[in-house]
Amino acid sequence: MQQLLIRGIGHTEYKYSEELSHEIPKDWKLTTLDALSDTGITNGVFKKRESFGKGTLLVNVLDLFDGTKVNFSKVDRVLVNEQEIRRFQVVSGDVLFCRSSLNVEGLGHCCLVDNPLRHQYLNVML
């Protein structure tokens, strides 16, 4: 897969990347996920089980593994305050990234938020 991405999509000139210890296309610029983020990377909010069942729609870490896009018809609800909504609301174009997992296959799994509803969403990583 690495060779397909680096060599298989039309690149002809390469440079050596010290950070990756590998050649990459000459016009690629390396950056961090945090630098690509408008608001910084966050883990979401933690809520106890008794807060679940009503309130604001939330995206739980398990919801990230139901495809490549968040399916809002399957998410749960949680009681949150206005400050938590402002801080953790997800919007169209957000990419939710699983940075820890019980199994290695889950590490780095990403999910796109591309179907905004008229509800407020809350990104919750439990």
N, C-alpha and C. Protein backbone atom coordinates (compact mmCIF):
# COMPACT_ATOMS: atom_id res chain seq x y z
N MET A 1 0.83 -1.18 0.00
CA MET A 1 0.00 0.00 0.00
C MET A 1 0.88 1.26 0.00
N GLN A 2 1.96 1.21 0.79
CA GLN A 2 2.86 2.36 0.86
C GLN A 2 3.45 2.66 -0.52
N GLN A 3 3.90 1.63 -1.23
CA GLN A 3 4.47 1.83 -2.56
C GLN A 3 3.43 2.35 -3.55
N LEU A 4 2.19 1.86 -3.44
CA LEU A 4 1.12 2.34 -4.31
C LEU A 4 0.90 3.83 -4.12
N LEU A 5 0.84 4.29 -2.88
CA LEU A 5 0.61 5.70 -2.62
C LEU A 5 1.79 6.57 -3.06
N ILE A 6 2.99 6.10 -2.82
CA ILE A 6 4.16 6.91 -3.12
C ILE A 6 4.54 6.87 -4.60
N ARG A 7 4.53 5.70 -5.20
CA ARG A 7 5.01 5.57 -6.58
C ARG A 7 3.89 5.36 -7.60
N GLY A 8 2.73 4.93 -7.17
CA GLY A 8 1.71 4.50 -8.11
C GLY A 8 0.72 5.54 -8.54
N ILE A 9 0.89 6.80 -8.19
CA ILE A 9 -0.09 7.81 -8.59
C ILE A 9 0.55 8.97 -9.35
N GLY A 10 1.54 8.64 -10.18
CA GLY A 10 2.07 9.63 -11.11
C GLY A 10 3.28 10.42 -10.66
N HIS A 11 3.86 10.11 -9.53
CA HIS A 11 5.04 10.85 -9.08
C HIS A 11 6.26 10.40 -9.86
N THR A 12 7.14 11.36 -10.20
CA THR A 12 8.36 11.03 -10.93
C THR A 12 9.62 11.50 -10.22
N GLU A 13 9.51 12.50 -9.34
CA GLU A 13 10.66 13.00 -8.61
C GLU A 13 10.46 12.76 -7.11
N TYR A 14 11.55 12.38 -6.44
CA TYR A 14 11.46 12.00 -5.03
C TYR A 14 12.56 12.68 -4.22
N LYS A 15 12.33 12.73 -2.91
CA LYS A 15 13.33 13.23 -1.97
C LYS A 15 13.32 12.30 -0.76
N TYR A 16 14.41 12.30 -0.03
CA TYR A 16 14.49 11.46 1.16
C TYR A 16 13.96 12.23 2.36
N SER A 17 13.09 11.60 3.12
CA SER A 17 12.53 12.21 4.32
C SER A 17 13.24 11.63 5.54
N GLU A 18 13.93 12.49 6.29
CA GLU A 18 14.57 12.05 7.53
C GLU A 18 13.53 11.59 8.54
N GLU A 19 12.41 12.33 8.63
CA GLU A 19 11.36 11.99 9.60
C GLU A 19 10.77 10.60 9.36
N LEU A 20 10.62 10.23 8.10
CA LEU A 20 10.02 8.94 7.75
C LEU A 20 11.05 7.87 7.43
N SER A 21 12.31 8.28 7.28
CA SER A 21 13.38 7.36 6.87
C SER A 21 13.01 6.64 5.58
N HIS A 22 12.50 7.43 4.65
CA HIS A 22 12.01 6.84 3.40
C HIS A 22 11.91 7.92 2.34
N GLU A 23 11.94 7.52 1.07
CA GLU A 23 11.71 8.47 -0.01
C GLU A 23 10.23 8.80 -0.11
N ILE A 24 9.97 10.07 -0.44
CA ILE A 24 8.60 10.52 -0.67
C ILE A 24 8.61 11.40 -1.93
N PRO A 25 7.46 11.62 -2.55
CA PRO A 25 7.43 12.53 -3.70
C PRO A 25 7.99 13.90 -3.34
N LYS A 26 8.72 14.47 -4.28
CA LYS A 26 9.43 15.73 -4.05
C LYS A 26 8.50 16.87 -3.62
N ASP A 27 7.28 16.91 -4.15
CA ASP A 27 6.38 18.03 -3.84
C ASP A 27 5.55 17.81 -2.56
N TRP A 28 5.71 16.69 -1.90
CA TRP A 28 4.99 16.46 -0.64
C TRP A 28 5.60 17.29 0.48
N LYS A 29 4.74 17.82 1.35
CA LYS A 29 5.18 18.53 2.54
C LYS A 29 4.68 17.76 3.75
N LEU A 30 5.55 17.46 4.67
CA LEU A 30 5.16 16.74 5.87
C LEU A 30 4.66 17.72 6.92
N THR A 31 3.65 17.30 7.63
CA THR A 31 3.11 18.11 8.72
C THR A 31 2.49 17.16 9.75
N THR A 32 2.00 17.71 10.82
CA THR A 32 1.38 16.89 11.86
C THR A 32 -0.14 16.99 11.76
N LEU A 33 -0.83 16.03 12.34
CA LEU A 33 -2.29 16.10 12.38
C LEU A 33 -2.74 17.34 13.13
N ASP A 34 -2.04 17.69 14.20
CA ASP A 34 -2.40 18.87 14.98
C ASP A 34 -2.32 20.14 14.13
N ALA A 35 -1.30 20.23 13.28
CA ALA A 35 -1.15 21.41 12.43
C ALA A 35 -2.26 21.52 11.39
N LEU A 36 -2.85 20.40 11.01
CA LEU A 36 -3.94 20.41 10.04
C LEU A 36 -5.29 20.75 10.67
N SER A 37 -5.34 20.71 11.97
CA SER A 37 -6.59 20.94 12.69
C SER A 37 -6.84 22.42 12.91
N ASP A 38 -8.10 22.83 12.73
CA ASP A 38 -8.48 24.23 13.00
C ASP A 38 -8.49 24.53 14.50
N THR A 39 -8.87 23.55 15.30
CA THR A 39 -9.07 23.79 16.73
C THR A 39 -8.18 22.95 17.62
N GLY A 40 -7.29 22.18 17.05
CA GLY A 40 -6.45 21.30 17.85
C GLY A 40 -7.09 19.93 18.01
N ILE A 41 -6.30 18.98 18.38
CA ILE A 41 -6.78 17.62 18.55
C ILE A 41 -7.32 17.45 19.96
N THR A 42 -8.47 16.80 20.07
CA THR A 42 -9.08 16.61 21.37
C THR A 42 -9.53 15.15 21.53
N ASN A 43 -9.64 14.73 22.75
CA ASN A 43 -10.11 13.37 23.03
C ASN A 43 -11.61 13.30 23.20
N GLY A 44 -12.29 14.40 23.20
CA GLY A 44 -13.73 14.41 23.44
C GLY A 44 -14.01 14.50 24.93
N VAL A 45 -15.24 14.22 25.29
CA VAL A 45 -15.68 14.36 26.67
C VAL A 45 -16.02 12.99 27.23
N PHE A 46 -15.81 12.80 28.50
CA PHE A 46 -16.16 11.54 29.16
C PHE A 46 -17.43 11.73 29.96
N LYS A 47 -18.37 10.82 29.80
CA LYS A 47 -19.62 10.85 30.56
C LYS A 47 -19.88 9.47 31.14
N LYS A 48 -20.42 9.45 32.35
CA LYS A 48 -20.78 8.19 32.99
C LYS A 48 -22.01 7.61 32.32
N ARG A 49 -22.18 6.33 32.42
CA ARG A 49 -23.25 5.60 31.75
C ARG A 49 -24.64 6.17 32.07
N GLU A 50 -24.84 6.68 33.27
CA GLU A 50 -26.17 7.21 33.63
C GLU A 50 -26.53 8.50 32.88
N SER A 51 -25.56 9.12 32.20
CA SER A 51 -25.82 10.31 31.40
C SER A 51 -26.32 9.97 30.00
N PHE A 52 -26.31 8.70 29.63
CA PHE A 52 -26.68 8.28 28.29
C PHE A 52 -28.18 8.05 28.16
N GLY A 53 -28.68 8.14 26.91
CA GLY A 53 -30.06 7.80 26.61
C GLY A 53 -30.91 8.96 26.14
N LYS A 54 -30.56 10.17 26.55
CA LYS A 54 -31.30 11.34 26.06
C LYS A 54 -30.34 12.52 26.03
N GLY A 55 -30.73 13.55 25.27
CA GLY A 55 -29.88 14.73 25.16
C GLY A 55 -29.31 14.89 23.76
N THR A 56 -28.05 15.27 23.70
CA THR A 56 -27.37 15.57 22.44
C THR A 56 -26.83 14.31 21.79
N LEU A 57 -26.97 14.24 20.46
CA LEU A 57 -26.37 13.13 19.73
C LEU A 57 -24.87 13.11 19.97
N LEU A 58 -24.31 11.91 20.08
CA LEU A 58 -22.86 11.81 20.27
C LEU A 58 -22.28 10.75 19.37
N VAL A 59 -21.02 10.90 19.08
CA VAL A 59 -20.28 9.90 18.33
C VAL A 59 -19.32 9.25 19.31
N ASN A 60 -19.56 7.99 19.58
CA ASN A 60 -18.73 7.22 20.49
C ASN A 60 -17.61 6.56 19.68
N VAL A 61 -16.56 6.17 20.33
CA VAL A 61 -15.44 5.56 19.62
C VAL A 61 -15.88 4.33 18.83
N LEU A 62 -16.83 3.56 19.32
CA LEU A 62 -17.29 2.38 18.58
C LEU A 62 -18.01 2.76 17.29
N ASP A 63 -18.58 3.97 17.24
CA ASP A 63 -19.26 4.43 16.02
C ASP A 63 -18.28 4.70 14.88
N LEU A 64 -17.00 4.82 15.18
CA LEU A 64 -16.00 5.07 14.14
C LEU A 64 -15.77 3.85 13.27
N PHE A 65 -16.15 2.68 13.75
CA PHE A 65 -15.84 1.44 13.04
C PHE A 65 -17.02 0.92 12.22
N ASP A 66 -18.01 1.76 11.98
CA ASP A 66 -19.18 1.38 11.19
C ASP A 66 -19.07 1.98 9.80
N GLY A 67 -17.93 1.83 9.17
CA GLY A 67 -17.70 2.37 7.84
C GLY A 67 -16.72 3.52 7.88
N THR A 68 -16.68 4.30 6.80
CA THR A 68 -15.74 5.42 6.70
C THR A 68 -16.41 6.76 6.97
N LYS A 69 -17.73 6.74 7.13
CA LYS A 69 -18.48 7.96 7.45
C LYS A 69 -19.34 7.69 8.67
N VAL A 70 -19.52 8.72 9.50
CA VAL A 70 -20.35 8.57 10.69
C VAL A 70 -21.80 8.36 10.26
N ASN A 71 -22.42 7.31 10.79
CA ASN A 71 -23.81 7.01 10.53
C ASN A 71 -24.62 7.54 11.72
N PHE A 72 -25.19 8.73 11.58
CA PHE A 72 -25.86 9.38 12.69
C PHE A 72 -27.20 8.72 13.05
N SER A 73 -27.68 7.81 12.22
CA SER A 73 -28.92 7.11 12.58
C SER A 73 -28.66 6.05 13.65
N LYS A 74 -27.40 5.74 13.93
CA LYS A 74 -27.07 4.70 14.90
C LYS A 74 -26.43 5.22 16.19
N VAL A 75 -26.20 6.52 16.29
CA VAL A 75 -25.49 7.05 17.46
C VAL A 75 -26.43 7.21 18.65
N ASP A 76 -25.86 7.25 19.83
CA ASP A 76 -26.59 7.38 21.08
C ASP A 76 -26.75 8.86 21.42
N ARG A 77 -27.40 9.13 22.53
CA ARG A 77 -27.55 10.50 23.04
C ARG A 77 -26.96 10.57 24.44
N VAL A 78 -26.52 11.77 24.83
CA VAL A 78 -25.93 11.98 26.15
C VAL A 78 -26.31 13.36 26.66
N LEU A 79 -26.45 13.48 27.97
CA LEU A 79 -26.72 14.78 28.60
C LEU A 79 -25.42 15.56 28.73
N VAL A 80 -25.38 16.75 28.15
CA VAL A 80 -24.19 17.60 28.19
C VAL A 80 -24.63 19.04 28.44
N ASN A 81 -23.67 19.88 28.81
CA ASN A 81 -23.98 21.30 28.99
C ASN A 81 -23.54 22.08 27.75
N GLU A 82 -23.91 23.35 27.69
CA GLU A 82 -23.61 24.19 26.53
C GLU A 82 -22.11 24.33 26.27
N GLN A 83 -21.32 24.42 27.33
CA GLN A 83 -19.87 24.54 27.17
C GLN A 83 -19.30 23.29 26.52
N GLU A 84 -19.77 22.13 26.91
CA GLU A 84 -19.29 20.88 26.31
C GLU A 84 -19.70 20.80 24.84
N ILE A 85 -20.90 21.25 24.52
CA ILE A 85 -21.33 21.26 23.12
C ILE A 85 -20.43 22.17 22.30
N ARG A 86 -20.16 23.38 22.79
CA ARG A 86 -19.29 24.31 22.05
C ARG A 86 -17.89 23.72 21.86
N ARG A 87 -17.38 23.05 22.86
CA ARG A 87 -16.01 22.54 22.79
C ARG A 87 -15.88 21.28 21.93
N PHE A 88 -16.90 20.40 21.96
CA PHE A 88 -16.76 19.10 21.34
C PHE A 88 -17.67 18.86 20.15
N GLN A 89 -18.38 19.86 19.70
CA GLN A 89 -19.28 19.69 18.56
C GLN A 89 -18.49 19.31 17.32
N VAL A 90 -19.01 18.35 16.57
CA VAL A 90 -18.39 18.00 15.29
C VAL A 90 -19.25 18.55 14.17
N VAL A 91 -18.59 18.93 13.07
CA VAL A 91 -19.29 19.52 11.94
C VAL A 91 -18.85 18.83 10.66
N SER A 92 -19.56 19.09 9.59
CA SER A 92 -19.24 18.51 8.31
C SER A 92 -17.78 18.81 7.94
N GLY A 93 -17.08 17.79 7.51
CA GLY A 93 -15.67 17.93 7.14
C GLY A 93 -14.71 17.49 8.22
N ASP A 94 -15.20 17.32 9.45
CA ASP A 94 -14.34 16.82 10.52
C ASP A 94 -13.93 15.38 10.24
N VAL A 95 -12.72 15.05 10.62
CA VAL A 95 -12.23 13.69 10.54
C VAL A 95 -12.00 13.22 11.97
N LEU A 96 -12.68 12.15 12.34
CA LEU A 96 -12.54 11.56 13.67
C LEU A 96 -11.53 10.42 13.56
N PHE A 97 -10.54 10.45 14.43
CA PHE A 97 -9.37 9.58 14.33
C PHE A 97 -9.25 8.75 15.61
N CYS A 98 -9.17 7.45 15.47
CA CYS A 98 -9.03 6.56 16.62
C CYS A 98 -7.55 6.41 16.95
N ARG A 99 -7.11 7.04 18.02
CA ARG A 99 -5.68 7.01 18.35
C ARG A 99 -5.30 5.93 19.34
N SER A 100 -6.28 5.24 19.92
CA SER A 100 -5.99 4.09 20.77
C SER A 100 -7.07 3.05 20.54
N SER A 101 -6.71 1.80 20.71
CA SER A 101 -7.66 0.73 20.43
C SER A 101 -7.29 -0.51 21.22
N LEU A 102 -8.28 -1.36 21.46
CA LEU A 102 -8.02 -2.63 22.13
C LEU A 102 -7.30 -3.61 21.21
N ASN A 103 -7.38 -3.39 19.90
CA ASN A 103 -6.63 -4.23 18.97
C ASN A 103 -5.89 -3.37 17.95
N VAL A 104 -4.82 -3.90 17.42
CA VAL A 104 -3.94 -3.13 16.54
C VAL A 104 -4.66 -2.69 15.26
N GLU A 105 -5.64 -3.47 14.81
CA GLU A 105 -6.36 -3.11 13.59
C GLU A 105 -7.16 -1.82 13.74
N GLY A 106 -7.52 -1.46 14.96
CA GLY A 106 -8.29 -0.24 15.19
C GLY A 106 -7.46 1.03 15.25
N LEU A 107 -6.17 0.90 15.46
CA LEU A 107 -5.30 2.08 15.55
C LEU A 107 -5.29 2.86 14.26
N GLY A 108 -5.52 4.14 14.36
CA GLY A 108 -5.45 5.02 13.19
C GLY A 108 -6.70 5.01 12.33
N HIS A 109 -7.71 4.25 12.71
CA HIS A 109 -8.93 4.23 11.90
C HIS A 109 -9.56 5.63 11.90
N CYS A 110 -9.96 6.09 10.73
CA CYS A 110 -10.55 7.41 10.58
C CYS A 110 -11.99 7.30 10.10
N CYS A 111 -12.75 8.32 10.41
CA CYS A 111 -14.14 8.37 9.99
C CYS A 111 -14.48 9.83 9.66
N LEU A 112 -15.15 10.05 8.55
CA LEU A 112 -15.49 11.39 8.09
C LEU A 112 -16.88 11.80 8.54
N VAL A 113 -17.02 13.03 8.97
CA VAL A 113 -18.33 13.62 9.26
C VAL A 113 -18.70 14.41 8.01
N ASP A 114 -19.65 13.88 7.22
CA ASP A 114 -20.00 14.59 5.99
C ASP A 114 -21.50 14.72 5.79
N ASN A 115 -22.27 14.39 6.81
CA ASN A 115 -23.72 14.47 6.65
C ASN A 115 -24.34 15.30 7.78
N PRO A 116 -24.15 16.61 7.74
CA PRO A 116 -24.67 17.41 8.85
C PRO A 116 -26.19 17.33 8.94
N LEU A 117 -26.68 17.14 10.13
CA LEU A 117 -28.11 17.17 10.39
C LEU A 117 -28.44 18.49 11.08
N ARG A 118 -29.67 18.70 11.45
CA ARG A 118 -30.05 19.93 12.15
C ARG A 118 -29.88 19.77 13.65
N HIS A 119 -29.17 18.75 14.03
CA HIS A 119 -28.91 18.51 15.45
C HIS A 119 -27.49 18.94 15.75
N GLN A 120 -27.17 19.01 17.03
CA GLN A 120 -25.79 19.24 17.43
C GLN A 120 -25.17 17.89 17.74
N TYR A 121 -23.98 17.66 17.23
CA TYR A 121 -23.29 16.42 17.44
C TYR A 121 -22.22 16.62 18.50
N LEU A 122 -21.91 15.61 19.20
CA LEU A 122 -20.86 15.69 20.20
C LEU A 122 -19.90 14.54 19.97
N ASN A 123 -18.66 14.86 19.76
CA ASN A 123 -17.64 13.84 19.55
C ASN A 123 -17.20 13.32 20.90
N VAL A 124 -17.52 12.09 21.21
CA VAL A 124 -17.19 11.53 22.51
C VAL A 124 -16.34 10.29 22.33
N MET A 125 -15.17 10.31 22.89
CA MET A 125 -14.30 9.15 22.88
C MET A 125 -14.26 8.59 24.28
N LEU A 126 -14.83 7.43 24.51
CA LEU A 126 -14.90 6.83 25.84
C LEU A 126 -13.79 5.84 26.07
